[in-house]
N, C-alpha and C. Protein backbone atom coordinates (compact mmCIF):
# COMPACT_ATOMS: atom_id res chain seq x y z
N UNK A 1 -17.29 1.03 16.74
CA UNK A 1 -18.20 -0.23 16.37
C UNK A 1 -19.00 0.16 15.18
N UNK A 2 -18.93 -0.62 14.39
CA UNK A 2 -19.47 -0.48 12.81
C UNK A 2 -21.05 -0.57 12.49
N UNK A 3 -21.52 -0.13 13.38
CA UNK A 3 -23.49 -0.53 13.38
C UNK A 3 -23.99 0.38 12.55
N UNK A 4 -24.43 -0.83 11.44
CA UNK A 4 -25.66 0.16 10.38
C UNK A 4 -24.27 0.92 9.08
N UNK A 5 -23.19 0.24 9.41
CA UNK A 5 -22.04 0.75 8.29
C UNK A 5 -21.93 -0.07 7.26
N UNK A 6 -22.01 0.08 6.13
CA UNK A 6 -22.46 -1.13 5.00
C UNK A 6 -21.05 -0.74 4.01
N UNK A 7 -20.34 0.31 4.02
CA UNK A 7 -19.51 0.54 3.32
C UNK A 7 -17.86 0.29 3.96
N UNK A 8 -17.19 -0.35 2.84
CA UNK A 8 -15.92 -1.13 3.11
C UNK A 8 -14.90 0.19 3.12
N UNK A 9 -14.33 0.20 3.99
CA UNK A 9 -12.66 1.30 4.24
C UNK A 9 -11.75 1.31 3.54
N UNK A 10 -11.25 -0.04 3.04
CA UNK A 10 -10.10 -0.20 2.25
C UNK A 10 -8.84 0.26 3.09
N UNK A 11 -8.75 0.47 4.25
CA UNK A 11 -7.88 1.01 4.92
C UNK A 11 -7.00 2.42 4.36
N UNK A 12 -8.73 3.37 4.26
CA UNK A 12 -8.05 4.61 3.41
C UNK A 12 -9.05 5.79 4.43
N UNK A 13 -8.78 6.92 4.22
CA UNK A 13 -9.69 8.14 4.81
C UNK A 13 -10.35 8.35 3.67
N UNK A 14 -11.73 9.24 3.70
CA UNK A 14 -12.66 9.31 3.19
C UNK A 14 -12.01 9.98 1.59
N UNK A 15 -11.66 11.02 1.90
CA UNK A 15 -11.07 11.73 0.46
C UNK A 15 -10.57 10.59 -0.43
N UNK A 16 -9.31 9.90 0.31
CA UNK A 16 -8.84 8.89 -0.83
C UNK A 16 -9.84 7.73 -1.22
N UNK A 17 -10.30 7.18 -0.30
CA UNK A 17 -11.57 6.26 -0.71
C UNK A 17 -12.11 6.74 -2.15
N UNK A 18 -12.92 8.12 -1.65
CA UNK A 18 -13.28 8.59 -2.74
C UNK A 18 -13.08 8.68 -4.00
N UNK A 19 -11.65 9.04 -4.06
CA UNK A 19 -10.73 9.38 -5.18
C UNK A 19 -10.35 8.03 -5.85
N UNK A 20 -10.27 6.98 -4.76
CA UNK A 20 -10.10 5.62 -5.54
C UNK A 20 -11.29 5.04 -6.47
N UNK A 21 -12.43 5.23 -5.59
CA UNK A 21 -14.10 4.97 -6.41
C UNK A 21 -13.90 5.54 -7.68
N UNK A 22 -13.52 7.10 -7.63
CA UNK A 22 -14.05 7.58 -9.07
C UNK A 22 -12.68 7.38 -9.90
N UNK A 23 -11.68 6.93 -9.42
CA UNK A 23 -10.77 6.50 -10.82
C UNK A 23 -11.40 5.48 -11.19
N UNK A 24 -11.76 4.37 -10.56
CA UNK A 24 -12.05 2.93 -10.89
C UNK A 24 -13.36 3.14 -11.67
N UNK A 25 -14.55 4.04 -11.35
CA UNK A 25 -15.50 4.31 -12.22
C UNK A 25 -15.38 4.75 -13.66
N UNK A 26 -14.45 5.82 -13.76
CA UNK A 26 -14.05 6.65 -14.93
C UNK A 26 -13.13 5.57 -15.79
N UNK A 27 -12.35 4.68 -15.16
CA UNK A 27 -11.51 3.48 -16.17
C UNK A 27 -12.62 2.24 -16.60
N UNK A 28 -13.54 2.08 -15.57
CA UNK A 28 -14.34 1.24 -16.29
C UNK A 28 -15.12 1.86 -17.35
N UNK A 29 -15.71 3.08 -17.14
CA UNK A 29 -16.72 3.85 -18.03
C UNK A 29 -15.61 3.55 -19.48
N UNK A 30 -14.47 4.10 -19.59
CA UNK A 30 -13.58 4.19 -20.62
C UNK A 30 -13.35 3.12 -21.02
N UNK A 31 -12.81 1.84 -20.23
CA UNK A 31 -12.45 0.60 -20.85
C UNK A 31 -13.68 -0.27 -21.02
N UNK A 32 -14.58 -0.16 -20.31
CA UNK A 32 -15.67 -1.30 -20.32
C UNK A 32 -15.38 -2.67 -19.53
N UNK A 33 -13.94 -3.02 -19.09
CA UNK A 33 -13.77 -3.97 -18.18
C UNK A 33 -12.55 -3.40 -17.66
N UNK A 34 -12.49 -4.05 -16.57
CA UNK A 34 -11.06 -3.68 -15.66
C UNK A 34 -11.02 -4.94 -14.50
N UNK A 35 -9.78 -5.03 -14.40
CA UNK A 35 -9.13 -6.08 -13.43
C UNK A 35 -8.96 -5.74 -12.31
N UNK A 36 -9.25 -6.06 -10.82
CA UNK A 36 -9.29 -5.38 -9.86
C UNK A 36 -9.28 -6.60 -8.57
N UNK A 37 -9.13 -6.00 -7.68
CA UNK A 37 -9.62 -7.23 -6.23
C UNK A 37 -11.32 -7.23 -6.39
N UNK A 38 -11.31 -8.16 -5.65
CA UNK A 38 -12.85 -8.77 -5.70
C UNK A 38 -13.33 -7.76 -4.47
N UNK A 39 -12.98 -7.51 -3.71
CA UNK A 39 -13.85 -6.38 -2.52
C UNK A 39 -13.80 -5.13 -3.31
N UNK A 40 -12.96 -4.61 -4.19
CA UNK A 40 -13.02 -3.15 -4.64
C UNK A 40 -14.03 -3.29 -5.91
N UNK A 41 -14.02 -4.60 -6.55
CA UNK A 41 -15.17 -5.01 -7.71
C UNK A 41 -16.49 -4.91 -6.96
N UNK A 42 -17.08 -5.64 -6.07
CA UNK A 42 -18.00 -5.43 -5.30
C UNK A 42 -18.53 -4.08 -4.75
N UNK A 43 -17.55 -3.43 -4.41
CA UNK A 43 -18.06 -2.23 -4.02
C UNK A 43 -18.31 -1.18 -4.96
N UNK A 44 -17.41 -1.44 -6.39
CA UNK A 44 -17.54 -0.55 -7.77
C UNK A 44 -18.88 -0.74 -7.98
N UNK A 45 -19.48 -2.31 -7.94
CA UNK A 45 -20.65 -2.64 -8.88
C UNK A 45 -21.61 -1.67 -8.45
N UNK A 46 -21.85 -0.89 -7.14
CA UNK A 46 -23.13 -0.22 -6.55
C UNK A 46 -23.11 0.86 -7.40
N UNK A 47 -21.69 1.41 -7.28
CA UNK A 47 -21.40 3.27 -7.60
C UNK A 47 -21.57 2.92 -9.12
N UNK A 48 -21.14 2.34 -9.75
CA UNK A 48 -21.34 1.95 -11.51
C UNK A 48 -22.49 1.90 -11.98
N UNK A 49 -23.29 1.26 -11.41
CA UNK A 49 -24.74 1.24 -11.80
C UNK A 49 -25.55 2.08 -11.53
N UNK A 50 -25.38 3.05 -10.39
CA UNK A 50 -25.93 4.09 -10.13
C UNK A 50 -25.70 5.20 -10.96
N UNK A 51 -24.32 5.61 -11.40
CA UNK A 51 -23.68 6.30 -12.32
C UNK A 51 -23.98 6.69 -13.79
N UNK A 52 -24.16 5.22 -14.51
CA UNK A 52 -24.34 5.20 -15.64
C UNK A 52 -25.47 4.46 -15.93
N UNK A 53 -26.28 3.64 -15.10
CA UNK A 53 -27.60 2.97 -15.51
C UNK A 53 -27.43 1.98 -16.23
N UNK A 54 -25.95 1.34 -16.32
CA UNK A 54 -25.85 0.12 -17.37
C UNK A 54 -25.64 -1.08 -16.30
N UNK A 55 -25.78 -2.37 -16.42
CA UNK A 55 -25.36 -3.28 -15.64
C UNK A 55 -24.04 -3.97 -15.53
N UNK A 56 -23.63 -4.24 -14.56
CA UNK A 56 -22.14 -4.64 -14.26
C UNK A 56 -22.35 -6.40 -14.17
N UNK A 57 -21.22 -7.00 -14.42
CA UNK A 57 -20.96 -8.47 -13.92
C UNK A 57 -19.57 -8.48 -13.78
N UNK A 58 -19.40 -9.16 -12.38
CA UNK A 58 -18.10 -9.41 -11.51
C UNK A 58 -17.87 -11.11 -11.82
N UNK A 59 -16.69 -11.26 -12.49
CA UNK A 59 -16.55 -12.40 -12.49
C UNK A 59 -14.91 -12.79 -11.79
N UNK A 60 -14.85 -13.84 -10.78
CA UNK A 60 -14.00 -14.16 -10.13
C UNK A 60 -12.56 -14.60 -11.02
N UNK A 61 -11.57 -14.39 -10.45
CA UNK A 61 -10.28 -15.04 -11.06
C UNK A 61 -9.45 -15.82 -9.94
N UNK A 62 -8.40 -16.03 -10.50
CA UNK A 62 -7.36 -17.02 -9.46
C UNK A 62 -6.51 -15.64 -8.63
N UNK A 63 -6.12 -15.89 -7.09
CA UNK A 63 -5.81 -15.12 -6.25
C UNK A 63 -4.57 -14.73 -6.85
N UNK A 64 -4.03 -13.38 -6.70
CA UNK A 64 -2.88 -12.31 -7.48
C UNK A 64 -1.63 -13.41 -6.69
N UNK A 65 -0.70 -13.55 -7.40
CA UNK A 65 0.50 -14.37 -7.16
C UNK A 65 1.17 -13.97 -5.86
N UNK A 66 1.62 -12.36 -5.95
CA UNK A 66 2.32 -11.75 -5.08
C UNK A 66 1.92 -11.81 -3.40
N UNK A 67 0.53 -11.52 -3.44
CA UNK A 67 0.47 -11.48 -2.29
C UNK A 67 -1.33 -12.40 -1.73
N UNK A 68 -1.77 -13.03 -3.06
CA UNK A 68 -2.75 -14.12 -2.79
C UNK A 68 -3.91 -13.37 -2.59
N UNK A 69 -4.07 -11.99 -3.03
CA UNK A 69 -5.73 -10.97 -2.90
C UNK A 69 -6.42 -12.08 -3.82
N UNK A 70 -7.55 -11.91 -3.46
CA UNK A 70 -8.84 -12.52 -4.05
C UNK A 70 -9.06 -11.40 -5.57
N UNK A 71 -8.98 -11.68 -6.89
CA UNK A 71 -9.01 -11.27 -7.59
C UNK A 71 -9.95 -11.24 -8.39
N UNK A 72 -10.80 -10.02 -9.36
CA UNK A 72 -11.90 -10.12 -10.16
C UNK A 72 -11.78 -9.37 -11.43
N UNK A 73 -12.77 -9.59 -12.32
CA UNK A 73 -12.99 -8.96 -13.79
C UNK A 73 -14.48 -8.12 -13.51
N UNK A 74 -14.52 -6.81 -13.65
CA UNK A 74 -15.83 -6.23 -13.47
C UNK A 74 -16.12 -5.41 -14.98
N UNK A 75 -17.25 -5.71 -15.38
CA UNK A 75 -17.52 -5.25 -16.70
C UNK A 75 -19.06 -4.79 -16.97
N UNK A 76 -19.21 -4.16 -17.97
CA UNK A 76 -20.65 -3.75 -18.52
C UNK A 76 -21.03 -4.94 -19.48
N UNK A 77 -22.42 -5.38 -18.92
CA UNK A 77 -23.22 -6.46 -19.71
C UNK A 77 -23.78 -5.88 -20.82
């Protein structure tokens, strides 16, 4: 059971999940705007705001054509 666990797992083990979030944060700080899935954008928002002190915005997009995943753009405001 996941009582008290607020973190999404994304079907990955801990090291892979940390590496994924680290690469997303570095891409966001480099480019100021990235396109990713909605779930990853929401998880990234909390990490990016702690690391840089900047505010972020998540904008929902149309679903991805290949698998129907909900997509979003995350950017610094």
